[in-house]
Structures are given as C-alpha cells and as structure tokens.
PDB file of N, CA and C in Angstrom:
ATOM      1  N   MET A   1      90.376 130.141  49.504  1.00  0.00           N
ATOM      2  CA  MET A   1      89.468 130.446  48.431  1.00  0.00           C
ATOM      3  C   MET A   1      88.948 129.137  47.829  1.00  0.00           C
ATOM      4  N   TRP A   2      87.695 129.166  47.423  1.00  0.00           N
ATOM      5  CA  TRP A   2      87.065 127.993  46.833  1.00  0.00           C
ATOM      6  C   TRP A   2      86.469 128.358  45.483  1.00  0.00           C
ATOM      7  N   HIS A   3      86.531 127.425  44.559  1.00  0.00           N
ATOM      8  CA  HIS A   3      85.909 127.588  43.245  1.00  0.00           C
ATOM      9  C   HIS A   3      85.057 126.352  43.025  1.00  0.00           C
ATOM     10  N   ARG A   4      83.779 126.539  42.685  1.00  0.00           N
ATOM     11  CA  ARG A   4      82.857 125.405  42.577  1.00  0.00           C
ATOM     12  C   ARG A   4      82.076 125.427  41.254  1.00  0.00           C
ATOM     13  N   PRO A   5      82.764 125.200  40.147  1.00  0.00           N
ATOM     14  CA  PRO A   5      82.071 125.186  38.850  1.00  0.00           C
ATOM     15  C   PRO A   5      81.415 123.833  38.554  1.00  0.00           C
ATOM     16  N   TYR A   6      80.561 123.848  37.535  1.00  0.00           N
ATOM     17  CA  TYR A   6      79.910 122.646  37.012  1.00  0.00           C
ATOM     18  C   TYR A   6      80.312 122.500  35.551  1.00  0.00           C
ATOM     19  N   VAL A   7      80.540 121.255  35.121  1.00  0.00           N
ATOM     20  CA  VAL A   7      80.925 120.989  33.733  1.00  0.00           C
ATOM     21  C   VAL A   7      80.104 119.810  33.220  1.00  0.00           C
ATOM     22  N   GLU A   8      79.430 120.006  32.102  1.00  0.00           N
ATOM     23  CA  GLU A   8      78.680 118.912  31.465  1.00  0.00           C
ATOM     24  C   GLU A   8      79.676 117.932  30.842  1.00  0.00           C
ATOM     25  N   THR A   9      79.381 116.634  30.916  1.00  0.00           N
ATOM     26  CA  THR A   9      80.279 115.635  30.320  1.00  0.00           C
ATOM     27  C   THR A   9      80.078 115.522  28.816  1.00  0.00           C
ATOM     28  N   GLY A  10      78.878 115.788  28.353  1.00  0.00           N
ATOM     29  CA  GLY A  10      78.597 115.647  26.928  1.00  0.00           C
ATOM     30  C   GLY A  10      78.320 114.211  26.500  1.00  0.00           C
ATOM     31  N   LEU A  11      78.333 113.275  27.441  1.00  0.00           N
ATOM     32  CA  LEU A  11      78.081 111.872  27.102  1.00  0.00           C
ATOM     33  C   LEU A  11      76.587 111.626  26.923  1.00  0.00           C
ATOM     34  N   THR A  12      76.219 110.931  25.874  1.00  0.00           N
ATOM     35  CA  THR A  12      74.817 110.596  25.644  1.00  0.00           C
ATOM     36  C   THR A  12      74.506 109.151  26.008  1.00  0.00           C
ATOM     37  N   THR A  13      75.553 108.372  26.309  1.00  0.00           N
ATOM     38  CA  THR A  13      75.375 106.993  26.767  1.00  0.00           C
ATOM     39  C   THR A  13      76.291 106.768  27.966  1.00  0.00           C
ATOM     40  N   GLU A  14      75.911 105.832  28.821  1.00  0.00           N
ATOM     41  CA  GLU A  14      76.758 105.472  29.955  1.00  0.00           C
ATOM     42  C   GLU A  14      78.033 104.833  29.431  1.00  0.00           C
ATOM     43  N   ARG A  15      79.175 105.181  30.030  1.00  0.00           N
ATOM     44  CA  ARG A  15      80.464 104.633  29.576  1.00  0.00           C
ATOM     45  C   ARG A  15      81.285 104.177  30.780  1.00  0.00           C
ATOM     46  N   CYS A  16      82.176 103.241  30.525  1.00  0.00           N
ATOM     47  CA  CYS A  16      83.101 102.746  31.543  1.00  0.00           C
ATOM     48  C   CYS A  16      84.387 103.569  31.508  1.00  0.00           C
ATOM     49  N   ILE A  17      84.827 103.986  32.688  1.00  0.00           N
ATOM     50  CA  ILE A  17      86.050 104.778  32.815  1.00  0.00           C
ATOM     51  C   ILE A  17      87.253 103.838  32.869  1.00  0.00           C
ATOM     52  N   LYS A  18      88.239 104.115  32.031  1.00  0.00           N
ATOM     53  CA  LYS A  18      89.481 103.342  31.995  1.00  0.00           C
ATOM     54  C   LYS A  18      90.522 103.968  32.922  1.00  0.00           C
ATOM     55  N   ALA A  19      90.631 105.295  32.874  1.00  0.00           N
ATOM     56  CA  ALA A  19      91.589 106.025  33.703  1.00  0.00           C
ATOM     57  C   ALA A  19      91.101 107.459  33.850  1.00  0.00           C
ATOM     58  N   ILE A  20      91.628 108.115  34.870  1.00  0.00           N
ATOM     59  CA  ILE A  20      91.236 109.497  35.130  1.00  0.00           C
ATOM     60  C   ILE A  20      92.402 110.234  35.774  1.00  0.00           C
ATOM     61  N   GLN A  21      92.576 111.476  35.379  1.00  0.00           N
ATOM     62  CA  GLN A  21      93.653 112.290  35.959  1.00  0.00           C
ATOM     63  C   GLN A  21      93.189 113.740  36.058  1.00  0.00           C
ATOM     64  N   VAL A  22      93.457 114.337  37.193  1.00  0.00           N
ATOM     65  CA  VAL A  22      93.198 115.760  37.405  1.00  0.00           C
ATOM     66  C   VAL A  22      94.544 116.435  37.575  1.00  0.00           C
ATOM     67  N   LYS A  23      94.705 117.571  36.915  1.00  0.00           N
ATOM     68  CA  LYS A  23      95.957 118.296  37.108  1.00  0.00           C
ATOM     69  C   LYS A  23      95.742 119.790  36.879  1.00  0.00           C
ATOM     70  N   PRO A  24      96.368 120.569  37.724  1.00  0.00           N
ATOM     71  CA  PRO A  24      96.397 122.001  37.472  1.00  0.00           C
ATOM     72  C   PRO A  24      97.327 122.265  36.292  1.00  0.00           C
ATOM     73  N   ALA A  25      96.928 123.163  35.413  1.00  0.00           N
ATOM     74  CA  ALA A  25      97.729 123.477  34.226  1.00  0.00           C
ATOM     75  C   ALA A  25      98.759 124.552  34.553  1.00  0.00           C
ATOM     76  N   GLY A  26      99.975 124.356  34.063  1.00  0.00           N
ATOM     77  CA  GLY A  26     101.033 125.357  34.207  1.00  0.00           C
ATOM     78  C   GLY A  26     101.304 125.743  35.651  1.00  0.00           C
ATOM     79  N   ASN A  27     101.382 127.044  35.900  1.00  0.00           N
ATOM     80  CA  ASN A  27     101.693 127.539  37.234  1.00  0.00           C
ATOM     81  C   ASN A  27     100.540 127.395  38.216  1.00  0.00           C
ATOM     82  N   ALA A  28      99.373 126.967  37.751  1.00  0.00           N
ATOM     83  CA  ALA A  28      98.236 126.780  38.652  1.00  0.00           C
ATOM     84  C   ALA A  28      98.551 125.748  39.734  1.00  0.00           C
ATOM     85  N   LYS A  29      99.496 124.843  39.468  1.00  0.00           N
ATOM     86  CA  LYS A  29      99.834 123.840  40.485  1.00  0.00           C
ATOM     87  C   LYS A  29     100.353 124.478  41.769  1.00  0.00           C
ATOM     88  N   ALA A  30     100.799 125.720  41.694  1.00  0.00           N
ATOM     89  CA  ALA A  30     101.285 126.408  42.890  1.00  0.00           C
ATOM     90  C   ALA A  30     100.151 126.994  43.727  1.00  0.00           C
ATOM     91  N   VAL A  31      98.932 127.058  43.175  1.00  0.00           N
ATOM     92  CA  VAL A  31      97.827 127.634  43.937  1.00  0.00           C
ATOM     93  C   VAL A  31      96.717 126.637  44.246  1.00  0.00           C
ATOM     94  N   VAL A  32      96.684 125.483  43.581  1.00  0.00           N
ATOM     95  CA  VAL A  32      95.630 124.498  43.822  1.00  0.00           C
ATOM     96  C   VAL A  32      96.069 123.560  44.940  1.00  0.00           C
ATOM     97  N   HIS A  33      95.358 123.619  46.066  1.00  0.00           N
ATOM     98  CA  HIS A  33      95.654 122.744  47.192  1.00  0.00           C
ATOM     99  C   HIS A  33      95.050 121.367  46.958  1.00  0.00           C
ATOM    100  N   HIS A  34      93.757 121.330  46.643  1.00  0.00           N
ATOM    101  CA  HIS A  34      93.116 120.081  46.242  1.00  0.00           C
ATOM    102  C   HIS A  34      91.901 120.392  45.387  1.00  0.00           C
ATOM    103  N   ALA A  35      91.459 119.383  44.632  1.00  0.00           N
ATOM    104  CA  ALA A  35      90.301 119.535  43.758  1.00  0.00           C
ATOM    105  C   ALA A  35      89.508 118.229  43.784  1.00  0.00           C
ATOM    106  N   ASN A  36      88.325 118.288  44.329  1.00  0.00           N
ATOM    107  CA  ASN A  36      87.452 117.125  44.374  1.00  0.00           C
ATOM    108  C   ASN A  36      86.384 117.268  43.295  1.00  0.00           C
ATOM    109  N   SER A  37      85.981 116.151  42.731  1.00  0.00           N
ATOM    110  CA  SER A  37      84.937 116.191  41.706  1.00  0.00           C
ATOM    111  C   SER A  37      83.928 115.083  41.968  1.00  0.00           C
ATOM    112  N   ASN A  38      82.661 115.441  41.796  1.00  0.00           N
ATOM    113  CA  ASN A  38      81.562 114.502  41.964  1.00  0.00           C
ATOM    114  C   ASN A  38      80.740 114.454  40.686  1.00  0.00           C
ATOM    115  N   VAL A  39      80.011 113.361  40.517  1.00  0.00           N
ATOM    116  CA  VAL A  39      79.132 113.196  39.364  1.00  0.00           C
ATOM    117  C   VAL A  39      77.702 113.469  39.821  1.00  0.00           C
ATOM    118  N   GLU A  40      76.996 114.246  39.005  1.00  0.00           N
ATOM    119  CA  GLU A  40      75.596 114.535  39.279  1.00  0.00           C
ATOM    120  C   GLU A  40      74.757 114.175  38.046  1.00  0.00           C
ATOM    121  N   VAL A  41      73.557 113.652  38.285  1.00  0.00           N
ATOM    122  CA  VAL A  41      72.602 113.374  37.213  1.00  0.00           C
ATOM    123  C   VAL A  41      71.241 113.927  37.633  1.00  0.00           C
ATOM    124  N   ARG A  42      70.391 114.146  36.656  1.00  0.00           N
ATOM    125  CA  ARG A  42      69.044 114.655  36.949  1.00  0.00           C
ATOM    126  C   ARG A  42      68.161 113.526  37.481  1.00  0.00           C
ATOM    127  N   ASN A  43      67.386 113.851  38.513  1.00  0.00           N
ATOM    128  CA  ASN A  43      66.428 112.885  39.047  1.00  0.00           C
ATOM    129  C   ASN A  43      65.094 113.031  38.315  1.00  0.00           C
ATOM    130  N   ALA A  44      64.067 112.326  38.769  1.00  0.00           N
ATOM    131  CA  ALA A  44      62.761 112.340  38.111  1.00  0.00           C
ATOM    132  C   ALA A  44      62.130 113.731  38.104  1.00  0.00           C
ATOM    133  N   ASP A  45      62.513 114.583  39.050  1.00  0.00           N
ATOM    134  CA  ASP A  45      61.968 115.944  39.117  1.00  0.00           C
ATOM    135  C   ASP A  45      62.781 116.933  38.281  1.00  0.00           C
ATOM    136  N   GLY A  46      63.840 116.439  37.615  1.00  0.00           N
ATOM    137  CA  GLY A  46      64.660 117.310  36.780  1.00  0.00           C
ATOM    138  C   GLY A  46      65.741 118.055  37.546  1.00  0.00           C
ATOM    139  N   GLU A  47      65.892 117.763  38.830  1.00  0.00           N
ATOM    140  CA  GLU A  47      66.929 118.403  39.652  1.00  0.00           C
ATOM    141  C   GLU A  47      68.178 117.532  39.656  1.00  0.00           C
ATOM    142  N   TYR A  48      69.340 118.176  39.660  1.00  0.00           N
ATOM    143  CA  TYR A  48      70.580 117.410  39.744  1.00  0.00           C
ATOM    144  C   TYR A  48      70.761 116.857  41.147  1.00  0.00           C
ATOM    145  N   GLU A  49      71.240 115.620  41.216  1.00  0.00           N
ATOM    146  CA  GLU A  49      71.583 115.027  42.508  1.00  0.00           C
ATOM    147  C   GLU A  49      72.910 114.290  42.380  1.00  0.00           C
ATOM    148  N   ASP A  50      73.635 114.274  43.472  1.00  0.00           N
ATOM    149  CA  ASP A  50      74.957 113.657  43.532  1.00  0.00           C
ATOM    150  C   ASP A  50      74.816 112.146  43.492  1.00  0.00           C
ATOM    151  N   VAL A  51      75.595 111.486  42.606  1.00  0.00           N
ATOM    152  CA  VAL A  51      75.590 110.021  42.556  1.00  0.00           C
ATOM    153  C   VAL A  51      76.934 109.431  42.983  1.00  0.00           C
ATOM    154  N   GLY A  52      77.871 110.287  43.367  1.00  0.00           N
ATOM    155  CA  GLY A  52      79.125 109.775  43.895  1.00  0.00           C
ATOM    156  C   GLY A  52      80.339 110.562  43.448  1.00  0.00           C
ATOM    157  N   MET A  53      81.434 110.303  44.140  1.00  0.00           N
ATOM    158  CA  MET A  53      82.684 110.985  43.837  1.00  0.00           C
ATOM    159  C   MET A  53      83.283 110.455  42.540  1.00  0.00           C
ATOM    160  N   LEU A  54      83.783 111.359  41.729  1.00  0.00           N
ATOM    161  CA  LEU A  54      84.488 110.966  40.507  1.00  0.00           C
ATOM    162  C   LEU A  54      85.952 110.723  40.848  1.00  0.00           C
ATOM    163  N   THR A  55      86.621 111.736  41.375  1.00  0.00           N
ATOM    164  CA  THR A  55      88.016 111.590  41.793  1.00  0.00           C
ATOM    165  C   THR A  55      88.401 112.793  42.630  1.00  0.00           C
ATOM    166  N   GLU A  56      89.610 112.740  43.161  1.00  0.00           N
ATOM    167  CA  GLU A  56      90.140 113.877  43.890  1.00  0.00           C
ATOM    168  C   GLU A  56      91.586 114.101  43.468  1.00  0.00           C
ATOM    169  N   TYR A  57      91.987 115.348  43.574  1.00  0.00           N
ATOM    170  CA  TYR A  57      93.376 115.697  43.305  1.00  0.00           C
ATOM    171  C   TYR A  57      93.935 116.347  44.558  1.00  0.00           C
ATOM    172  N   ALA A  58      95.127 115.973  44.910  1.00  0.00           N
ATOM    173  CA  ALA A  58      95.902 116.652  45.941  1.00  0.00           C
ATOM    174  C   ALA A  58      97.322 116.742  45.402  1.00  0.00           C
ATOM    175  N   MET A  59      98.054 117.728  45.856  1.00  0.00           N
ATOM    176  CA  MET A  59      99.413 117.936  45.353  1.00  0.00           C
ATOM    177  C   MET A  59     100.181 116.624  45.350  1.00  0.00           C
ATOM    178  N   GLY A  60     100.693 116.242  44.188  1.00  0.00           N
ATOM    179  CA  GLY A  60     101.494 115.037  44.060  1.00  0.00           C
ATOM    180  C   GLY A  60     100.757 113.826  43.526  1.00  0.00           C
ATOM    181  N   LYS A  61      99.423 113.865  43.455  1.00  0.00           N
ATOM    182  CA  LYS A  61      98.683 112.705  42.949  1.00  0.00           C
ATOM    183  C   LYS A  61      98.784 112.658  41.427  1.00  0.00           C
ATOM    184  N   TRP A  62      99.030 111.462  40.897  1.00  0.00           N
ATOM    185  CA  TRP A  62      99.217 111.295  39.458  1.00  0.00           C
ATOM    186  C   TRP A  62      97.945 110.944  38.721  1.00  0.00           C
ATOM    187  N   GLY A  63      97.018 110.250  39.346  1.00  0.00           N
ATOM    188  CA  GLY A  63      95.793 109.836  38.673  1.00  0.00           C
ATOM    189  C   GLY A  63      95.391 108.437  39.090  1.00  0.00           C
ATOM    190  N   GLU A  64      94.419 107.887  38.393  1.00  0.00           N
ATOM    191  CA  GLU A  64      93.895 106.566  38.730  1.00  0.00           C
ATOM    192  C   GLU A  64      93.710 105.753  37.452  1.00  0.00           C
ATOM    193  N   ILE A  65      94.040 104.472  37.518  1.00  0.00           N
ATOM    194  CA  ILE A  65      93.805 103.547  36.419  1.00  0.00           C
ATOM    195  C   ILE A  65      92.917 102.433  36.964  1.00  0.00           C
ATOM    196  N   ALA A  66      91.787 102.191  36.290  1.00  0.00           N
ATOM    197  CA  ALA A  66      90.891 101.119  36.727  1.00  0.00           C
ATOM    198  C   ALA A  66      91.530  99.769  36.403  1.00  0.00           C
ATOM    199  N   PRO A  67      91.447  98.827  37.323  1.00  0.00           N
ATOM    200  CA  PRO A  67      91.987  97.491  37.034  1.00  0.00           C
ATOM    201  C   PRO A  67      91.277  96.866  35.838  1.00  0.00           C
ATOM    202  N   GLU A  68      91.977  96.023  35.118  1.00  0.00           N
ATOM    203  CA  GLU A  68      91.398  95.333  33.965  1.00  0.00           C
ATOM    204  C   GLU A  68      90.145  94.585  34.406  1.00  0.00           C
ATOM    205  N   GLY A  69      89.099  94.696  33.620  1.00  0.00           N
ATOM    206  CA  GLY A  69      87.847  94.021  33.924  1.00  0.00           C
ATOM    207  C   GLY A  69      86.913  94.789  34.838  1.00  0.00           C
ATOM    208  N   VAL A  70      87.330  95.957  35.297  1.00  0.00           N
ATOM    209  CA  VAL A  70      86.486  96.777  36.177  1.00  0.00           C
ATOM    210  C   VAL A  70      85.814  97.860  35.355  1.00  0.00           C
ATOM    211  N   CYS A  71      84.510  98.004  35.532  1.00  0.00           N
ATOM    212  CA  CYS A  71      83.756  99.049  34.842  1.00  0.00           C
ATOM    213  C   CYS A  71      83.239 100.033  35.881  1.00  0.00           C
ATOM    214  N   ARG A  72      83.918 101.129  35.996  1.00  0.00           N
ATOM    215  CA  ARG A  72      83.452 102.234  36.840  1.00  0.00           C
ATOM    216  C   ARG A  72      82.711 103.172  35.891  1.00  0.00           C
ATOM    217  N   THR A  73      81.428 103.344  36.089  1.00  0.00           N
ATOM    218  CA  THR A  73      80.616 104.012  35.079  1.00  0.00           C
ATOM    219  C   THR A  73      80.550 105.526  35.252  1.00  0.00           C
ATOM    220  N   LEU A  74      80.429 106.180  34.109  1.00  0.00           N
ATOM    221  CA  LEU A  74      80.123 107.601  34.033  1.00  0.00           C
ATOM    222  C   LEU A  74      78.780 107.669  33.315  1.00  0.00           C
ATOM    223  N   PRO A  75      77.718 108.073  34.028  1.00  0.00           N
ATOM    224  CA  PRO A  75      76.379 108.025  33.443  1.00  0.00           C
ATOM    225  C   PRO A  75      76.189 108.971  32.254  1.00  0.00           C
ATOM    226  N   ALA A  76      75.222 108.631  31.421  1.00  0.00           N
ATOM    227  CA  ALA A  76      74.832 109.522  30.319  1.00  0.00           C
ATOM    228  C   ALA A  76      74.250 110.807  30.897  1.00  0.00           C
ATOM    229  N   ASN A  77      74.448 111.899  30.192  1.00  0.00           N
ATOM    230  CA  ASN A  77      73.865 113.196  30.540  1.00  0.00           C
ATOM    231  C   ASN A  77      74.241 113.679  31.941  1.00  0.00           C
ATOM    232  N   ALA A  78      75.396 113.255  32.413  1.00  0.00           N
ATOM    233  CA  ALA A  78      75.861 113.662  33.740  1.00  0.00           C
ATOM    234  C   ALA A  78      76.629 114.974  33.642  1.00  0.00           C
ATOM    235  N   ARG A  79      76.838 115.570  34.795  1.00  0.00           N
ATOM    236  CA  ARG A  79      77.727 116.723  34.880  1.00  0.00           C
ATOM    237  C   ARG A  79      78.686 116.493  36.036  1.00  0.00           C
ATOM    238  N   ILE A  80      79.810 117.199  35.975  1.00  0.00           N
ATOM    239  CA  ILE A  80      80.824 117.114  37.024  1.00  0.00           C
ATOM    240  C   ILE A  80      80.725 118.366  37.875  1.00  0.00           C
ATOM    241  N   ARG A  81      80.626 118.152  39.180  1.00  0.00           N
ATOM    242  CA  ARG A  81      80.605 119.268  40.136  1.00  0.00           C
ATOM    243  C   ARG A  81      81.968 119.323  40.807  1.00  0.00           C
ATOM    244  N   TRP A  82      82.653 120.433  40.623  1.00  0.00           N
ATOM    245  CA  TRP A  82      83.992 120.633  41.186  1.00  0.00           C
ATOM    246  C   TRP A  82      83.918 121.316  42.547  1.00  0.00           C
ATOM    247  N   ASP A  83      84.886 121.024  43.371  1.00  0.00           N
ATOM    248  CA  ASP A  83      85.095 121.703  44.649  1.00  0.00           C
ATOM    249  C   ASP A  83      86.602 121.904  44.748  1.00  0.00           C
ATOM    250  N   ILE A  84      87.074 123.061  44.273  1.00  0.00           N
ATOM    251  CA  ILE A  84      88.511 123.324  44.159  1.00  0.00           C
ATOM    252  C   ILE A  84      88.942 124.303  45.237  1.00  0.00           C
ATOM    253  N   HIS A  85      89.911 123.904  46.028  1.00  0.00           N
ATOM    254  CA  HIS A  85      90.456 124.752  47.079  1.00  0.00           C
ATOM    255  C   HIS A  85      91.766 125.367  46.593  1.00  0.00           C
ATOM    256  N   LEU A  86      91.835 126.689  46.647  1.00  0.00           N
ATOM    257  CA  LEU A  86      92.997 127.421  46.147  1.00  0.00           C
ATOM    258  C   LEU A  86      93.697 128.173  47.267  1.00  0.00           C
ATOM    259  N   PHE A  87      95.021 128.206  47.209  1.00  0.00           N
ATOM    260  CA  PHE A  87      95.786 129.117  48.060  1.00  0.00           C
ATOM    261  C   PHE A  87      95.721 130.477  47.373  1.00  0.00           C
ATOM    262  N   PRO A  88      95.183 131.503  48.015  1.00  0.00           N
ATOM    263  CA  PRO A  88      95.004 132.785  47.320  1.00  0.00           C
ATOM    264  C   PRO A  88      96.292 133.417  46.826  1.00  0.00           C
ATOM    265  N   GLY A  89      97.404 133.195  47.490  1.00  0.00           N
ATOM    266  CA  GLY A  89      98.653 133.813  47.071  1.00  0.00           C
ATOM    267  C   GLY A  89      99.677 132.844  46.544  1.00  0.00           C
ATOM    268  N   GLY A  90      99.330 131.585  46.454  1.00  0.00           N
ATOM    269  CA  GLY A  90     100.278 130.604  45.961  1.00  0.00           C
ATOM    270  C   GLY A  90     101.285 130.187  47.006  1.00  0.00           C
ATOM    271  N   VAL A  91     102.017 129.154  46.692  1.00  0.00           N
ATOM    272  CA  VAL A  91     103.055 128.634  47.582  1.00  0.00           C
ATOM    273  C   VAL A  91     104.268 128.243  46.752  1.00  0.00           C
ATOM    274  N   GLY A  92     105.399 128.212  47.369  1.00  0.00           N
ATOM    275  CA  GLY A  92     106.611 127.738  46.707  1.00  0.00           C
ATOM    276  C   GLY A  92     107.235 128.748  45.774  1.00  0.00           C
ATOM    277  N   ALA A  93     108.275 128.311  45.090  1.00  0.00           N
ATOM    278  CA  ALA A  93     109.060 129.194  44.229  1.00  0.00           C
ATOM    279  C   ALA A  93     108.279 129.686  43.016  1.00  0.00           C
ATOM    280  N   THR A  94     107.295 128.902  42.554  1.00  0.00           N
ATOM    281  CA  THR A  94     106.530 129.295  41.377  1.00  0.00           C
ATOM    282  C   THR A  94     105.630 130.489  41.657  1.00  0.00           C
ATOM    283  N   ALA A  95     105.121 130.584  42.870  1.00  0.00           N
ATOM    284  CA  ALA A  95     104.176 131.645  43.201  1.00  0.00           C
ATOM    285  C   ALA A  95     104.411 132.136  44.622  1.00  0.00           C
ATOM    286  N   PRO A  96     105.501 132.815  44.883  1.00  0.00           N
ATOM    287  CA  PRO A  96     105.810 133.256  46.250  1.00  0.00           C
ATOM    288  C   PRO A  96     104.941 134.445  46.668  1.00  0.00           C
ATOM    289  N   GLY A  97     103.688 134.168  47.021  1.00  0.00           N
ATOM    290  CA  GLY A  97     102.787 135.220  47.473  1.00  0.00           C
ATOM    291  C   GLY A  97     102.228 136.062  46.341  1.00  0.00           C
ATOM    292  N   THR A  98     102.266 135.554  45.117  1.00  0.00           N
ATOM    293  CA  THR A  98     101.745 136.308  43.982  1.00  0.00           C
ATOM    294  C   THR A  98     100.444 135.684  43.487  1.00  0.00           C
ATOM    295  N   VAL A  99      99.742 136.406  42.636  1.00  0.00           N
ATOM    296  CA  VAL A  99      98.506 135.905  42.055  1.00  0.00           C
ATOM    297  C   VAL A  99      98.833 135.206  40.732  1.00  0.00           C
ATOM    298  N   ILE A 100      98.285 134.028  40.543  1.00  0.00           N
ATOM    299  CA  ILE A 100      98.473 133.289  39.297  1.00  0.00           C
ATOM    300  C   ILE A 100      97.281 133.601  38.397  1.00  0.00           C
ATOM    301  N   GLU A 101      97.529 134.257  37.292  1.00  0.00           N
ATOM    302  CA  GLU A 101      96.470 134.582  36.342  1.00  0.00           C
ATOM    303  C   GLU A 101      96.061 133.344  35.558  1.00  0.00           C
ATOM    304  N   ASP A 102      94.794 133.266  35.221  1.00  0.00           N
ATOM    305  CA  ASP A 102      94.265 132.190  34.370  1.00  0.00           C
ATOM    306  C   ASP A 102      94.617 130.797  34.878  1.00  0.00           C
ATOM    307  N   ASN A 103      94.534 130.580  36.201  1.00  0.00           N
ATOM    308  CA  ASN A 103      94.828 129.234  36.677  1.00  0.00           C
ATOM    309  C   ASN A 103      93.684 128.309  36.286  1.00  0.00           C
ATOM    310  N   VAL A 104      94.053 127.134  35.839  1.00  0.00           N
ATOM    311  CA  VAL A 104      93.102 126.185  35.281  1.00  0.00           C
ATOM    312  C   VAL A 104      93.357 124.813  35.896  1.00  0.00           C
ATOM    313  N   VAL A 105      92.276 124.114  36.217  1.00  0.00           N
ATOM    314  CA  VAL A 105      92.367 122.727  36.647  1.00  0.00           C
ATOM    315  C   VAL A 105      91.713 121.895  35.554  1.00  0.00           C
ATOM    316  N   GLU A 106      92.469 120.923  35.036  1.00  0.00           N
ATOM    317  CA  GLU A 106      91.986 120.086  33.945  1.00  0.00           C
ATOM    318  C   GLU A 106      91.694 118.681  34.457  1.00  0.00           C
ATOM    319  N   ILE A 107      90.745 118.022  33.795  1.00  0.00           N
ATOM    320  CA  ILE A 107      90.482 116.618  34.095  1.00  0.00           C
ATOM    321  C   ILE A 107      90.536 115.849  32.777  1.00  0.00           C
ATOM    322  N   GLY A 108      91.248 114.744  32.808  1.00  0.00           N
ATOM    323  CA  GLY A 108      91.289 113.859  31.651  1.00  0.00           C
ATOM    324  C   GLY A 108      90.600 112.559  32.031  1.00  0.00           C
ATOM    325  N   ILE A 109      89.644 112.146  31.216  1.00  0.00           N
ATOM    326  CA  ILE A 109      88.926 110.896  31.474  1.00  0.00           C
ATOM    327  C   ILE A 109      89.085 110.018  30.237  1.00  0.00           C
ATOM    328  N   TRP A 110      89.739 108.894  30.409  1.00  0.00           N
ATOM    329  CA  TRP A 110      89.912 107.934  29.330  1.00  0.00           C
ATOM    330  C   TRP A 110      88.789 106.906  29.476  1.00  0.00           C
ATOM    331  N   LEU A 111      88.054 106.690  28.404  1.00  0.00           N
ATOM    332  CA  LEU A 111      86.917 105.778  28.432  1.00  0.00           C
ATOM    333  C   LEU A 111      87.211 104.501  27.652  1.00  0.00           C
ATOM    334  N   HIS A 112      86.658 103.393  28.132  1.00  0.00           N
ATOM    335  CA  HIS A 112      86.700 102.155  27.359  1.00  0.00           C
ATOM    336  C   HIS A 112      85.796 102.338  26.145  1.00  0.00           C
ATOM    337  N   PRO A 113      86.010 101.552  25.093  1.00  0.00           N
ATOM    338  CA  PRO A 113      85.126 101.632  23.921  1.00  0.00           C
ATOM    339  C   PRO A 113      83.681 101.363  24.321  1.00  0.00           C
ATOM    340  N   GLU A 114      82.752 101.935  23.575  1.00  0.00           N
ATOM    341  CA  GLU A 114      81.337 101.662  23.845  1.00  0.00           C
ATOM    342  C   GLU A 114      81.101 100.168  23.784  1.00  0.00           C
ATOM    343  N   GLY A 115      80.268  99.682  24.680  1.00  0.00           N
ATOM    344  CA  GLY A 115      79.972  98.249  24.733  1.00  0.00           C
ATOM    345  C   GLY A 115      80.871  97.459  25.674  1.00  0.00           C
ATOM    346  N   TYR A 116      81.920  98.122  26.213  1.00  0.00           N
ATOM    347  CA  TYR A 116      82.820  97.425  27.150  1.00  0.00           C
ATOM    348  C   TYR A 116      82.032  97.066  28.399  1.00  0.00           C
ATOM    349  N   GLU A 117      82.200  95.837  28.861  1.00  0.00           N
ATOM    350  CA  GLU A 117      81.542  95.388  30.083  1.00  0.00           C
ATOM    351  C   GLU A 117      82.555  94.683  30.954  1.00  0.00           C
ATOM    352  N   ASN A 118      82.314  94.745  32.253  1.00  0.00           N
ATOM    353  CA  ASN A 118      83.222  94.053  33.174  1.00  0.00           C
ATOM    354  C   ASN A 118      82.829  92.630  33.331  1.00  0.00           C
TER     355      ASN A 118
END
C-alpha cells in the first residue's frame, strides 16, 4: 500500500535546515516500511515541480544532522511530497497481521535562525 500526501511547509522565506527526522508515531512503526519526501516549488507557470529529495525514512533510521557550516536550504512557499510505503497488515509483535488505526508519519525539521549562512 502507498500513501502520497502533500504538506505545505508554511515558510515564507528560504531557510537553512539544521536537522531533520522522520518517524512513524506510536504503533505506526510496525506498518511503515519506508517514507520518502521531496520538496516541490511552483514554477513560472504556477505548477509544482520537484526540486530534490528532502529525506528518507527506513526502519531503524534516526535522522540527519547537517554538518556545522552547511546550509541545506528549504525554499520559501515550498511543499513536501510524501511517498510512504505501508505494510497493509503490519509486521512484528506490535502488529501481527492486524490493521493499525490512525497511523501517522511525522517529520521534524529543525531550522537555523533566519539569516544563517554557510
């Protein structure tokens, strides 16, 4: 099963990413196989286009921390396009062939203060 939602970032200015982490909330970790996220921005025609991968999650990944002095940008007015792969019945002791209600995948993005430059 695949889930492909879009989420607006709400940023009105370009910002530098300090760290990023994706994690399934609660028992959702038993059904989320992986979750990839890309950044999209509007082009001159007003259509969204992909500008690159934001991050990926796979079982066991903790997150990413940008090295000091590195500015990985998150553009203003961008949105995040998710590509989440789910095991329909879950795996392991948490979800032995059962359906996990309200499974949620969260993303945390820590930003450097405005004006931070590499």
